[in-house]
Amino acid sequence: DERSSSNNNSSNNKRQKMTTTIPANPRIIALFDVDGTLTIPRGEVTPDMMSFLKSLSEKITVGIVGGSDLPKQEEQLGAGIAKIFPYNFSQNGLVAYKNGELLEVQTLSNFLGEDNVKRIVNWVMRYLADLDIPVKRGTFIEFRSGMLNISPIGRNCSREERNDYEKFDLEHNIRKNMVDAMRKEFAELNLTYSIGGQISFDVFPEGWDKTYCLKFLEESDFDEIHFFGDKTFEGGNDYEIFTHPRTIGHTVTSPDDTREQCTKLFMM
């Protein structure tokens, strides 16, 4: 990540006000992935996009569901984002907010136990030490409360290095091959592996993908649950919720595409 402590003055980091208007169709909800859907990968949301989401929230119920933790989500969507829209899910819903109130926090270490977490971390470090790729930087394993995020190049790479690695990874299946090896090594732990973004993949217990957030959306409260995401292919981190029987899935290619599809669906 290029974390910018210098953009404290940017409009994105100003604390936003919660949308309080009851939407025209509250029984329709749209859930949005973050990276590649509301922002460019690891980029900040534009003022126009945030304004659009607030306009959309006057029509239907709006929710955010991202794989990153809440601090990273705030870097991208602005301080206080968990309290802007009726539903906010970080780490796929392991940290869940409704109407600005915290509903639940689930943790990986409690669920798997420290011995299994150590076993995974040790294996990953050995695997990456032997992996030959053009560039390695730092922060190869990021422990989040609900998942491990593993990056063969390291999350400290620059944006240019990130873009170059993505091309290399797609050509040489670096992440895919590592995931295949981990599936064999840790088969008994029933883990899910989700390749998302440009440089990393997530590891978490089965069922802790983005469908986890659906447990907070009562079937009696909604007639339609729409999901918008860019990594909706099998193995992508939007696939499970995109194909879930409770959702209507929409594949997007960029924030502009998200806006265009939502306008046609909900604002005409």
Protein backbone atom coordinates (compact mmCIF):
# COMPACT_ATOMS: atom_id res chain seq x y z
CA ASP A 1 0.00 0.00 0.00
CA GLU A 2 1.10 3.54 -0.60
CA ARG A 3 -0.38 4.81 2.63
CA SER A 4 -0.39 8.56 2.54
CA SER A 5 -0.18 10.23 5.89
CA SER A 6 0.22 13.43 3.92
CA ASN A 7 -3.34 13.54 2.62
CA ASN A 8 -4.95 14.35 5.94
CA ASN A 9 -6.19 17.54 4.34
CA SER A 10 -7.74 15.83 1.34
CA SER A 11 -11.49 16.01 0.97
CA ASN A 12 -11.54 12.22 1.20
CA ASN A 13 -10.33 12.24 4.80
CA LYS A 14 -12.83 14.77 6.06
CA ARG A 15 -15.34 13.01 8.27
CA GLN A 16 -18.54 12.52 6.35
CA LYS A 17 -22.09 12.86 7.59
CA MET A 18 -24.36 9.85 7.72
CA THR A 19 -27.11 9.67 5.14
CA THR A 20 -30.36 9.87 7.09
CA THR A 21 -32.89 9.97 4.26
CA ILE A 22 -35.16 6.92 4.05
CA PRO A 23 -34.75 5.70 0.47
CA ALA A 24 -37.67 5.51 -1.94
CA ASN A 25 -37.19 1.71 -2.21
CA PRO A 26 -35.69 0.57 1.13
CA ARG A 27 -36.37 -3.10 0.33
CA ILE A 28 -33.80 -3.02 -2.50
CA ILE A 29 -30.18 -2.97 -1.36
CA ALA A 30 -27.03 -2.56 -3.44
CA LEU A 31 -23.79 -3.86 -1.92
CA PHE A 32 -20.54 -2.52 -3.37
CA ASP A 33 -17.04 -3.95 -3.41
CA VAL A 34 -14.39 -1.23 -2.95
CA ASP A 35 -11.24 -1.82 -5.08
CA GLY A 36 -11.98 -1.62 -8.79
CA THR A 37 -15.66 -0.96 -8.10
CA LEU A 38 -15.88 2.30 -6.16
CA THR A 39 -12.20 3.27 -6.54
CA ILE A 40 -9.24 2.38 -8.71
CA PRO A 41 -7.17 -0.35 -6.97
CA ARG A 42 -5.94 1.07 -3.62
CA GLY A 43 -6.99 4.54 -4.77
CA GLU A 44 -9.26 7.07 -3.10
CA VAL A 45 -12.89 7.52 -4.00
CA THR A 46 -13.55 10.64 -6.08
CA PRO A 47 -15.88 13.33 -4.73
CA ASP A 48 -18.15 12.69 -7.74
CA MET A 49 -18.42 8.99 -6.90
CA MET A 50 -19.21 9.67 -3.24
CA SER A 51 -21.81 12.22 -4.28
CA PHE A 52 -23.33 9.63 -6.62
CA LEU A 53 -23.53 7.02 -3.83
CA LYS A 54 -25.31 9.51 -1.59
CA SER A 55 -27.79 10.27 -4.39
CA LEU A 56 -28.28 6.54 -4.91
CA SER A 57 -28.99 6.11 -1.21
CA GLU A 58 -32.05 8.32 -1.68
CA LYS A 59 -33.40 5.70 -4.11
CA ILE A 60 -32.37 2.40 -2.50
CA THR A 61 -30.49 1.05 0.54
CA VAL A 62 -26.71 1.21 0.08
CA GLY A 63 -24.05 -0.97 1.68
CA ILE A 64 -20.26 -1.37 1.38
CA VAL A 65 -18.58 -4.78 1.59
CA GLY A 66 -14.78 -4.85 1.31
CA GLY A 67 -12.07 -7.37 2.06
CA SER A 68 -9.72 -4.85 3.67
CA ASP A 69 -9.87 -3.79 7.30
CA LEU A 70 -11.73 -0.64 8.31
CA PRO A 71 -8.65 1.66 8.50
CA LYS A 72 -7.79 0.78 4.87
CA GLN A 73 -11.41 1.26 3.86
CA GLU A 74 -11.32 4.70 5.47
CA GLU A 75 -8.12 5.55 3.54
CA GLN A 76 -10.02 4.85 0.34
CA LEU A 77 -13.56 6.00 1.13
CA GLY A 78 -13.02 8.63 3.83
CA ALA A 79 -12.97 8.85 7.63
CA GLY A 80 -16.13 7.62 9.30
CA ILE A 81 -17.28 5.60 6.25
CA ALA A 82 -18.78 2.93 8.55
CA LYS A 83 -21.35 5.50 9.60
CA ILE A 84 -22.22 7.00 6.21
CA PHE A 85 -24.47 4.34 4.71
CA PRO A 86 -26.90 1.97 6.45
CA TYR A 87 -24.61 -1.08 6.11
CA ASN A 88 -20.82 -1.26 6.20
CA PHE A 89 -18.85 -4.48 6.16
CA SER A 90 -15.06 -4.57 6.36
CA GLN A 91 -13.08 -7.82 6.18
CA ASN A 92 -16.01 -9.35 4.29
CA GLY A 93 -18.40 -8.61 7.16
CA LEU A 94 -16.30 -9.93 10.04
CA VAL A 95 -16.51 -6.33 11.23
CA ALA A 96 -20.14 -5.34 10.63
CA TYR A 97 -21.92 -2.01 11.11
CA LYS A 98 -25.62 -1.21 10.75
CA ASN A 99 -26.77 2.41 10.92
CA GLY A 100 -23.40 3.38 12.37
CA GLU A 101 -23.56 0.83 15.21
CA LEU A 102 -21.07 -2.04 15.51
CA LEU A 103 -22.88 -5.39 15.23
CA GLU A 104 -20.10 -7.96 15.42
CA VAL A 105 -16.34 -8.59 15.28
CA GLN A 106 -15.02 -12.08 14.51
CA THR A 107 -11.30 -12.99 14.63
CA LEU A 108 -9.11 -15.52 12.85
CA SER A 109 -6.87 -16.27 15.83
CA ASN A 110 -9.81 -17.22 18.06
CA PHE A 111 -11.32 -19.42 15.36
CA LEU A 112 -8.19 -21.31 14.20
CA GLY A 113 -6.07 -21.14 17.35
CA GLU A 114 -2.59 -19.64 17.61
CA ASP A 115 -0.78 -22.90 16.78
CA ASN A 116 -2.48 -23.14 13.39
CA VAL A 117 -1.88 -19.44 12.67
CA LYS A 118 1.85 -19.91 13.42
CA ARG A 119 1.97 -23.01 11.23
CA ILE A 120 0.50 -21.11 8.26
CA VAL A 121 2.78 -18.07 8.75
CA ASN A 122 5.91 -20.23 9.01
CA TRP A 123 5.01 -22.17 5.86
CA VAL A 124 4.30 -18.98 3.89
CA MET A 125 7.63 -17.41 4.89
CA ARG A 126 9.53 -20.54 3.76
CA TYR A 127 7.63 -20.67 0.46
CA LEU A 128 8.22 -16.99 -0.32
CA ALA A 129 11.91 -17.24 0.61
CA ASP A 130 12.35 -19.83 -2.15
CA LEU A 131 10.16 -18.02 -4.69
CA ASP A 132 12.03 -16.36 -7.56
CA ILE A 133 10.22 -13.27 -8.88
CA PRO A 134 11.70 -10.06 -10.39
CA VAL A 135 11.05 -7.81 -7.36
CA LYS A 136 10.44 -8.32 -3.63
CA ARG A 137 9.71 -5.51 -1.19
CA GLY A 138 8.20 -5.79 2.29
CA THR A 139 5.05 -6.77 4.23
CA PHE A 140 4.53 -10.18 2.65
CA ILE A 141 2.01 -11.33 5.26
CA GLU A 142 -0.55 -9.01 6.78
CA PHE A 143 -2.48 -10.41 9.73
CA ARG A 144 -5.97 -8.95 9.81
CA SER A 145 -8.47 -9.88 12.48
CA GLY A 146 -10.42 -12.05 10.05
CA MET A 147 -7.90 -13.20 7.47
CA LEU A 148 -4.30 -13.44 6.36
CA ASN A 149 -3.40 -11.32 3.33
CA ILE A 150 -0.40 -12.77 1.51
CA SER A 151 1.57 -10.85 -1.12
CA PRO A 152 4.50 -12.49 -2.96
CA ILE A 153 5.96 -9.10 -3.96
CA GLY A 154 5.13 -7.46 -0.62
CA ARG A 155 2.52 -4.76 0.03
CA ASN A 156 5.20 -2.04 0.34
CA CYS A 157 5.77 -1.99 -3.42
CA SER A 158 5.21 1.20 -5.42
CA ARG A 159 2.25 1.59 -7.77
CA GLU A 160 4.51 1.01 -10.78
CA GLU A 161 5.93 -2.16 -9.20
CA ARG A 162 2.36 -3.24 -8.34
CA ASN A 163 1.26 -2.83 -11.98
CA ASP A 164 4.33 -4.69 -13.29
CA TYR A 165 3.85 -7.51 -10.80
CA GLU A 166 0.20 -7.97 -11.78
CA LYS A 167 1.25 -8.58 -15.42
CA PHE A 168 3.99 -10.99 -14.30
CA ASP A 169 1.58 -12.80 -11.98
CA LEU A 170 -1.06 -13.25 -14.69
CA GLU A 171 1.58 -14.64 -17.04
CA HIS A 172 3.29 -16.97 -14.56
CA ASN A 173 0.41 -17.88 -12.16
CA ILE A 174 2.48 -16.99 -9.08
CA ARG A 175 -0.49 -16.51 -6.76
CA LYS A 176 -2.52 -19.35 -8.30
CA ASN A 177 0.34 -21.83 -7.87
CA MET A 178 0.92 -20.74 -4.27
CA VAL A 179 -2.78 -21.13 -3.49
CA ASP A 180 -2.75 -24.65 -4.99
CA ALA A 181 0.20 -25.57 -2.76
CA MET A 182 -1.53 -24.18 0.34
CA ARG A 183 -4.74 -26.06 -0.42
CA LYS A 184 -2.76 -29.32 -0.24
CA GLU A 185 -0.69 -28.33 2.82
CA PHE A 186 -3.61 -27.12 4.95
CA ALA A 187 -6.46 -29.25 3.60
CA GLU A 188 -7.74 -30.22 7.06
CA LEU A 189 -8.26 -26.58 8.13
CA ASN A 190 -11.04 -25.98 5.55
CA LEU A 191 -9.63 -22.66 4.42
CA THR A 192 -10.77 -20.51 1.51
CA TYR A 193 -8.24 -18.78 -0.76
CA SER A 194 -9.34 -15.69 -2.63
CA ILE A 195 -7.21 -13.88 -5.22
CA GLY A 196 -8.14 -10.21 -5.28
CA GLY A 197 -6.57 -6.94 -6.31
CA GLN A 198 -3.23 -6.86 -8.11
CA ILE A 199 -0.62 -8.29 -5.77
CA SER A 200 -2.08 -10.47 -3.02
CA PHE A 201 -4.56 -13.13 -1.97
CA ASP A 202 -6.60 -13.67 1.17
CA VAL A 203 -6.76 -16.79 3.34
CA PHE A 204 -9.68 -17.31 5.70
CA PRO A 205 -11.98 -20.04 7.07
CA GLU A 206 -14.60 -21.50 4.75
CA GLY A 207 -17.67 -19.27 4.62
CA TRP A 208 -15.72 -16.16 5.61
CA ASP A 209 -15.81 -14.78 2.07
CA LYS A 210 -18.09 -11.85 1.22
CA THR A 211 -21.19 -14.01 1.66
CA TYR A 212 -20.51 -13.73 5.42
CA CYS A 213 -22.08 -10.27 5.36
CA LEU A 214 -25.42 -11.68 4.15
CA LYS A 215 -26.13 -13.05 7.63
CA PHE A 216 -26.74 -9.43 8.71
CA LEU A 217 -29.33 -8.83 5.96
CA GLU A 218 -32.60 -10.38 7.09
CA GLU A 219 -34.47 -12.05 4.24
CA SER A 220 -37.69 -10.46 5.52
CA ASP A 221 -36.15 -6.97 5.15
CA PHE A 222 -35.17 -7.09 1.47
CA ASP A 223 -36.82 -8.10 -1.80
CA GLU A 224 -33.62 -7.70 -3.83
CA ILE A 225 -29.94 -7.79 -2.85
CA HIS A 226 -27.72 -6.51 -5.67
CA PHE A 227 -23.95 -6.93 -5.55
CA PHE A 228 -21.46 -4.98 -7.68
CA GLY A 229 -17.86 -6.15 -7.97
CA ASP A 230 -14.96 -6.51 -10.41
CA LYS A 231 -13.39 -9.83 -9.31
CA THR A 232 -16.48 -11.94 -9.98
CA PHE A 233 -14.66 -14.77 -11.82
CA GLU A 234 -14.16 -18.13 -10.11
CA GLY A 235 -11.28 -17.68 -7.65
CA GLY A 236 -11.81 -13.93 -7.45
CA ASN A 237 -12.75 -12.42 -4.10
CA ASP A 238 -16.22 -11.38 -5.33
CA TYR A 239 -17.15 -14.76 -6.83
CA GLU A 240 -18.97 -16.32 -3.87
CA ILE A 241 -21.29 -13.39 -3.20
CA PHE A 242 -21.72 -12.74 -6.95
CA THR A 243 -23.05 -16.30 -7.46
CA HIS A 244 -24.95 -16.62 -4.15
CA PRO A 245 -28.64 -17.52 -4.54
CA ARG A 246 -29.70 -14.53 -2.44
CA THR A 247 -27.93 -11.95 -4.61
CA ILE A 248 -28.30 -10.45 -8.08
CA GLY A 249 -24.69 -10.16 -9.23
CA HIS A 250 -23.28 -7.44 -11.49
CA THR A 251 -19.73 -7.48 -12.89
CA VAL A 252 -18.15 -4.04 -13.26
CA THR A 253 -14.91 -2.97 -14.93
CA SER A 254 -14.30 0.39 -13.20
CA PRO A 255 -15.91 2.98 -10.92
CA ASP A 256 -17.35 4.69 -14.01
CA ASP A 257 -18.94 1.42 -15.09
CA THR A 258 -20.41 0.95 -11.60
CA ARG A 259 -21.98 4.36 -11.78
CA GLU A 260 -23.34 3.74 -15.28
CA GLN A 261 -24.91 0.38 -14.38
CA CYS A 262 -26.48 1.75 -11.18
CA THR A 263 -27.89 4.76 -12.98
CA LYS A 264 -29.63 2.51 -15.52
CA LEU A 265 -30.90 0.09 -12.86
CA PHE A 266 -32.03 2.39 -10.07
CA MET A 267 -32.12 6.05 -11.13
CA MET A 268 -34.15 6.18 -14.33
